[in-house]
C-alpha cells in the first residue's frame, strides 16, 4: 500500500449519507480505484454516472479481493453481518474500518472472526445531518469535524496512521485516539443523551398542540436532532444501553436539582447553577 498518497484500491460499503460522503471526498484524493458496494442499484448507477466510483457492486464477493482499504458505512448490526459474511473475501493485508457510533460491540465482534491477515481499525466520524441517502451526501460533510479512532492491541501503527491520514485528508480538523470503552462512555453523554433529550422534548404533550408561533431559536436548536433515523438510533441506544441509562439518570438528577431550586424559589441556588453551566460552556468554546 502506498504510504505517500492514496493510489491504492478503496471500497466504500454503503452509499448513504455517510458512505456517499466518504466516496465523494475520497474521489478528490485520486485513489487507484474507488469501488462502491450497496444493495441499492440506483445509488450505484448514480455514483458511477457522476464519476464518484469506478464500479459498483451489490455484494462484496468479488471486489473485496481487490480492495486495500475497506470503509464500511452501515448500521452497527449490518456492519458486523457484512464483515462476518465476507470474512473469506477480504484481501490479505487489507485494512478495514467502520463509521459506527458505538465501538465496543463492533470491534470485539470483528476481531472474533477476522483472520490475522486482515486488520480492523475502529473509527467514528463525528459528522452527519438529519437527512439520509446518497443524494444528500457531500464531499464537505467531514470538513472541520472530529474523528475518533479506537485502536486495539492488534493494530499496527501503520494502519492507524493510514486511517488518521485519510480522516485529515477528507477535512476532519481533529483526530483523536481512545480505547473502545472510553469512546462508548463519552459518546453516551455527548451524542446519545442529547438525542434522548431532543426526542423527549418532541414527545411532550405540549408539543402536540399548535405551538409553531411560539418557537424560537432555543427550541429549534434543542430539538434539531429529533428528526432522527429511528432504525439507526435504536441500534445505537440498545448497543450502549448500560452507559446511556447511567447518563440519563445523572441528567435526571441535574434536572431535579434545578426543579427544586425553582420550586422553592431559591434564586441564589438558581444563579449558582446558571453561572456554573455558563462557565463550563465558555470553557468548551
Protein backbone atom coordinates (compact mmCIF):
# COMPACT_ATOMS: atom_id res chain seq x y z
CA UNK A 1 0.00 0.00 0.00
CA UNK A 2 1.31 3.45 -0.92
CA UNK A 3 2.48 5.31 2.18
CA UNK A 4 2.76 8.67 0.44
CA UNK A 5 -0.72 9.03 -1.01
CA UNK A 6 -3.91 7.18 -1.75
CA UNK A 7 -3.01 5.45 -5.01
CA UNK A 8 -4.47 2.13 -3.96
CA UNK A 9 -7.88 0.48 -4.23
CA UNK A 10 -10.62 1.62 -1.85
CA UNK A 11 -14.08 0.12 -1.38
CA UNK A 12 -16.89 2.00 0.35
CA UNK A 13 -19.67 -0.22 1.66
CA UNK A 14 -22.99 1.59 1.91
CA UNK A 15 -23.56 4.69 -0.22
CA UNK A 16 -25.96 6.54 2.05
CA UNK A 17 -25.27 9.91 3.65
CA UNK A 18 -22.05 8.85 5.39
CA UNK A 19 -20.73 6.34 2.85
CA UNK A 20 -21.70 8.55 -0.07
CA UNK A 21 -19.89 11.47 1.56
CA UNK A 22 -16.80 9.30 2.06
CA UNK A 23 -16.90 8.30 -1.61
CA UNK A 24 -17.27 11.89 -2.80
CA UNK A 25 -14.47 13.10 -0.53
CA UNK A 26 -12.18 10.18 -1.37
CA UNK A 27 -12.63 10.78 -5.10
CA UNK A 28 -10.79 14.07 -4.56
CA UNK A 29 -7.78 12.08 -3.28
CA UNK A 30 -7.43 10.24 -6.59
CA UNK A 31 -7.27 6.62 -5.42
CA UNK A 32 -6.17 3.97 -7.90
CA UNK A 33 -9.72 2.59 -7.95
CA UNK A 34 -12.76 3.53 -5.90
CA UNK A 35 -15.49 0.92 -5.61
CA UNK A 36 -18.98 1.17 -4.16
CA UNK A 37 -20.90 -1.69 -2.58
CA UNK A 38 -24.61 -1.18 -1.90
CA UNK A 39 -27.84 -3.14 -2.24
CA UNK A 40 -29.42 -0.10 -3.91
CA UNK A 41 -28.52 -0.39 -7.59
CA UNK A 42 -29.91 3.07 -8.27
CA UNK A 43 -27.38 4.63 -5.90
CA UNK A 44 -24.57 2.65 -7.51
CA UNK A 45 -25.58 3.72 -11.02
CA UNK A 46 -25.89 7.34 -9.94
CA UNK A 47 -22.49 7.29 -8.21
CA UNK A 48 -20.83 5.77 -11.27
CA UNK A 49 -22.52 8.17 -13.67
CA UNK A 50 -21.29 11.09 -11.57
CA UNK A 51 -17.76 9.70 -11.69
CA UNK A 52 -17.67 9.17 -7.93
CA UNK A 53 -16.97 5.43 -8.11
CA UNK A 54 -15.24 3.41 -10.80
CA UNK A 55 -17.51 0.40 -10.38
CA UNK A 56 -20.48 -0.56 -8.24
CA UNK A 57 -21.40 -3.92 -6.76
CA UNK A 58 -24.38 -5.24 -4.82
CA UNK A 59 -22.20 -7.59 -2.75
CA UNK A 60 -18.57 -7.92 -1.83
CA UNK A 61 -17.86 -11.43 -3.03
CA UNK A 62 -15.67 -10.37 -5.95
CA UNK A 63 -14.42 -6.84 -5.49
CA UNK A 64 -13.29 -7.09 -1.85
CA UNK A 65 -10.44 -9.26 -3.06
CA UNK A 66 -9.12 -6.16 -4.86
CA UNK A 67 -9.63 -3.60 -2.08
CA UNK A 68 -6.67 -2.46 0.03
CA UNK A 69 -8.86 -0.24 2.22
CA UNK A 70 -12.49 -1.04 3.03
CA UNK A 71 -14.71 1.60 4.65
CA UNK A 72 -17.95 0.13 5.99
CA UNK A 73 -20.63 2.79 6.38
CA UNK A 74 -23.54 0.65 7.56
CA UNK A 75 -25.66 0.47 10.71
CA UNK A 76 -23.89 -1.32 13.59
CA UNK A 77 -25.61 -4.69 13.26
CA UNK A 78 -25.29 -4.60 9.47
CA UNK A 79 -21.59 -3.75 9.81
CA UNK A 80 -20.94 -6.86 11.87
CA UNK A 81 -23.01 -9.00 9.49
CA UNK A 82 -21.16 -7.67 6.44
CA UNK A 83 -17.76 -8.46 7.95
CA UNK A 84 -18.87 -11.92 9.03
CA UNK A 85 -20.44 -12.72 5.65
CA UNK A 86 -17.32 -11.59 3.79
CA UNK A 87 -14.63 -12.88 6.14
CA UNK A 88 -13.20 -15.04 3.34
CA UNK A 89 -13.42 -12.31 0.71
CA UNK A 90 -11.15 -9.65 2.18
CA UNK A 91 -7.75 -9.25 0.59
CA UNK A 92 -4.72 -10.33 2.61
CA UNK A 93 -3.15 -7.19 4.05
CA UNK A 94 -6.34 -5.15 3.73
CA UNK A 95 -7.32 -2.56 6.31
CA UNK A 96 -11.00 -2.39 7.26
CA UNK A 97 -12.57 0.49 9.12
CA UNK A 98 -16.10 1.39 10.10
CA UNK A 99 -18.15 4.51 10.88
CA UNK A 100 -20.34 3.30 13.73
CA UNK A 101 -21.30 5.46 16.71
CA UNK A 102 -20.71 2.60 19.16
CA UNK A 103 -17.43 0.78 19.24
CA UNK A 104 -17.13 -1.98 21.83
CA UNK A 105 -19.51 -4.45 20.21
CA UNK A 106 -18.28 -3.69 16.69
CA UNK A 107 -14.57 -4.08 17.46
CA UNK A 108 -14.96 -7.16 19.64
CA UNK A 109 -17.21 -8.90 17.12
CA UNK A 110 -14.97 -8.05 14.16
CA UNK A 111 -11.86 -9.32 15.94
CA UNK A 112 -13.60 -12.55 16.88
CA UNK A 113 -13.80 -13.80 13.30
CA UNK A 114 -11.40 -11.77 11.10
CA UNK A 115 -8.17 -13.56 10.12
CA UNK A 116 -4.80 -12.20 11.24
CA UNK A 117 -4.06 -11.22 7.64
CA UNK A 118 -6.80 -8.55 7.72
CA UNK A 119 -6.67 -5.59 10.09
CA UNK A 120 -9.71 -3.84 11.55
CA UNK A 121 -9.33 -0.26 12.80
CA UNK A 122 -12.45 1.07 14.53
CA UNK A 123 -13.40 4.67 13.76
CA UNK A 124 -16.22 7.14 14.31
CA UNK A 125 -16.51 10.31 12.23
CA UNK A 126 -18.43 12.89 14.25
CA UNK A 127 -20.33 14.22 11.26
CA UNK A 128 -23.83 13.95 9.88
CA UNK A 129 -27.12 15.70 9.29
CA UNK A 130 -30.82 14.99 9.60
CA UNK A 131 -31.20 13.62 6.08
CA UNK A 132 -30.46 10.27 4.52
CA UNK A 133 -29.39 8.74 1.23
CA UNK A 134 -26.77 9.23 -1.45
CA UNK A 135 -28.45 12.36 -2.79
CA UNK A 136 -27.77 14.17 0.49
CA UNK A 137 -24.12 13.09 0.64
CA UNK A 138 -21.45 15.77 0.32
CA UNK A 139 -17.67 15.73 -0.07
CA UNK A 140 -17.62 18.53 2.52
CA UNK A 141 -19.57 16.64 5.21
CA UNK A 142 -16.43 15.95 7.24
CA UNK A 143 -14.93 19.43 6.96
CA UNK A 144 -13.93 20.74 10.41
CA UNK A 145 -15.44 17.72 12.17
CA UNK A 146 -13.90 15.48 14.83
CA UNK A 147 -12.77 11.96 14.01
CA UNK A 148 -12.31 9.28 16.65
CA UNK A 149 -10.12 6.22 16.15
CA UNK A 150 -10.41 3.32 18.59
CA UNK A 151 -7.25 1.24 18.19
CA UNK A 152 -6.78 -2.14 19.82
CA UNK A 153 -3.65 -4.10 20.71
CA UNK A 154 -3.59 -5.98 17.41
CA UNK A 155 -3.44 -2.79 15.34
CA UNK A 156 -0.20 -1.73 13.70
CA UNK A 157 0.86 1.89 13.88
CA UNK A 158 0.97 1.90 10.08
CA UNK A 159 -2.72 1.03 9.77
CA UNK A 160 -3.78 3.51 12.45
CA UNK A 161 -1.76 6.21 10.69
CA UNK A 162 -3.46 5.37 7.41
CA UNK A 163 -6.93 5.97 8.88
CA UNK A 164 -5.69 9.11 10.61
CA UNK A 165 -4.20 10.43 7.37
CA UNK A 166 -7.41 9.68 5.49
CA UNK A 167 -9.52 11.49 8.11
CA UNK A 168 -7.37 14.60 7.82
CA UNK A 169 -7.36 14.38 4.03
CA UNK A 170 -11.17 14.43 3.85
CA UNK A 171 -11.28 17.54 6.03
CA UNK A 172 -11.50 16.49 9.67
CA UNK A 173 -9.98 19.13 11.95
CA UNK A 174 -9.21 16.86 14.89
CA UNK A 175 -8.33 13.17 15.01
CA UNK A 176 -8.11 11.52 18.42
CA UNK A 177 -7.36 8.01 19.62
CA UNK A 178 -9.25 6.43 22.52
CA UNK A 179 -9.97 2.86 23.59
CA UNK A 180 -13.37 1.37 22.89
CA UNK A 181 -14.64 1.63 26.46
CA UNK A 182 -13.74 5.29 26.79
CA UNK A 183 -15.33 6.04 23.43
CA UNK A 184 -18.63 4.44 24.37
CA UNK A 185 -18.61 6.08 27.80
CA UNK A 186 -18.07 9.58 26.42
CA UNK A 187 -20.35 9.21 23.40
CA UNK A 188 -23.25 8.16 25.63
CA UNK A 189 -23.10 11.68 27.10
CA UNK A 190 -22.00 13.89 24.19
CA UNK A 191 -24.06 12.27 21.42
CA UNK A 192 -26.66 9.82 22.64
CA UNK A 193 -28.02 11.77 25.62
CA UNK A 194 -28.69 14.91 23.51
CA UNK A 195 -30.72 12.75 21.13
CA UNK A 196 -32.70 11.36 24.07
CA UNK A 197 -33.41 14.90 25.30
CA UNK A 198 -34.46 16.12 21.84
CA UNK A 199 -36.82 13.18 21.38
CA UNK A 200 -38.28 13.69 24.87
CA UNK A 201 -38.94 17.37 24.12
CA UNK A 202 -40.80 16.47 20.94
CA UNK A 203 -42.68 13.69 22.75
CA UNK A 204 -44.02 16.12 25.36
CA UNK A 205 -47.80 16.60 25.42
CA UNK A 206 -47.48 20.35 24.95
CA UNK A 207 -45.62 19.73 21.68
CA UNK A 208 -48.75 18.06 20.35
CA UNK A 209 -50.55 21.42 20.47
CA UNK A 210 -50.24 24.24 17.94
CA UNK A 211 -47.05 25.86 19.23
CA UNK A 212 -45.43 26.87 15.94
CA UNK A 213 -45.84 30.60 16.60
CA UNK A 214 -44.14 30.25 19.99
CA UNK A 215 -40.94 28.58 18.77
CA UNK A 216 -37.64 30.43 18.77
CA UNK A 217 -34.03 29.55 18.21
CA UNK A 218 -33.54 27.82 21.54
CA UNK A 219 -36.29 25.27 20.88
CA UNK A 220 -35.14 24.69 17.31
CA UNK A 221 -31.55 24.13 18.47
CA UNK A 222 -32.58 21.81 21.29
CA UNK A 223 -34.76 19.64 19.03
CA UNK A 224 -32.70 19.68 15.82
CA UNK A 225 -31.58 16.07 16.17
CA UNK A 226 -35.11 14.84 16.95
CA UNK A 227 -35.54 14.35 13.20
CA UNK A 228 -34.00 11.00 13.98
CA UNK A 229 -33.20 7.90 11.94
CA UNK A 230 -35.20 5.53 14.10
CA UNK A 231 -33.57 2.29 12.93
CA UNK A 232 -30.01 3.56 13.37
CA UNK A 233 -30.54 5.20 16.76
CA UNK A 234 -32.50 2.26 18.15
CA UNK A 235 -29.43 0.11 17.46
CA UNK A 236 -27.02 2.70 18.88
CA UNK A 237 -29.03 3.07 22.09
CA UNK A 238 -29.51 -0.68 22.51
CA UNK A 239 -25.84 -1.49 21.99
CA UNK A 240 -24.76 1.08 24.58
CA UNK A 241 -27.74 0.78 26.90
CA UNK A 242 -25.99 0.48 30.28
CA UNK A 243 -23.87 3.56 29.71
CA UNK A 244 -26.76 5.56 28.27
CA UNK A 245 -29.15 4.70 31.12
CA UNK A 246 -26.46 5.85 33.57
CA UNK A 247 -26.20 9.21 31.78
CA UNK A 248 -29.99 9.59 31.69
CA UNK A 249 -30.12 9.01 35.45
CA UNK A 250 -27.37 11.57 36.05
CA UNK A 251 -29.24 14.04 33.86
CA UNK A 252 -32.42 13.41 35.80
CA UNK A 253 -30.52 14.28 38.98
CA UNK A 254 -29.40 17.57 37.41
CA UNK A 255 -32.98 18.32 36.33
CA UNK A 256 -34.26 17.58 39.82
CA UNK A 257 -31.70 19.96 41.29
CA UNK A 258 -32.94 22.75 39.02
CA UNK A 259 -36.55 21.77 39.72
CA UNK A 260 -36.03 22.02 43.49
CA UNK A 261 -34.45 25.46 43.18
CA UNK A 262 -37.33 26.70 41.03
CA UNK A 263 -40.00 25.17 43.26
CA UNK A 264 -38.51 26.68 46.39
CA UNK A 265 -37.81 29.97 44.58
CA UNK A 266 -34.20 29.75 45.70
CA UNK A 267 -32.81 32.49 43.45
CA UNK A 268 -29.29 32.19 44.86
CA UNK A 269 -29.15 28.48 44.10
CA UNK A 270 -30.52 29.04 40.59
CA UNK A 271 -27.96 31.74 39.88
CA UNK A 272 -25.16 29.43 41.04
CA UNK A 273 -26.40 26.65 38.76
CA UNK A 274 -26.61 29.04 35.81
CA UNK A 275 -23.17 30.54 36.48
CA UNK A 276 -21.60 27.10 36.71
CA UNK A 277 -23.24 25.96 33.46
CA UNK A 278 -22.24 29.15 31.64
CA UNK A 279 -18.65 28.83 32.81
CA UNK A 280 -18.44 25.22 31.64
CA UNK A 281 -19.90 26.19 28.27
CA UNK A 282 -17.39 29.00 27.80
CA UNK A 283 -14.54 26.60 28.59
CA UNK A 284 -15.74 24.31 25.78
CA UNK A 285 -15.68 27.06 23.13
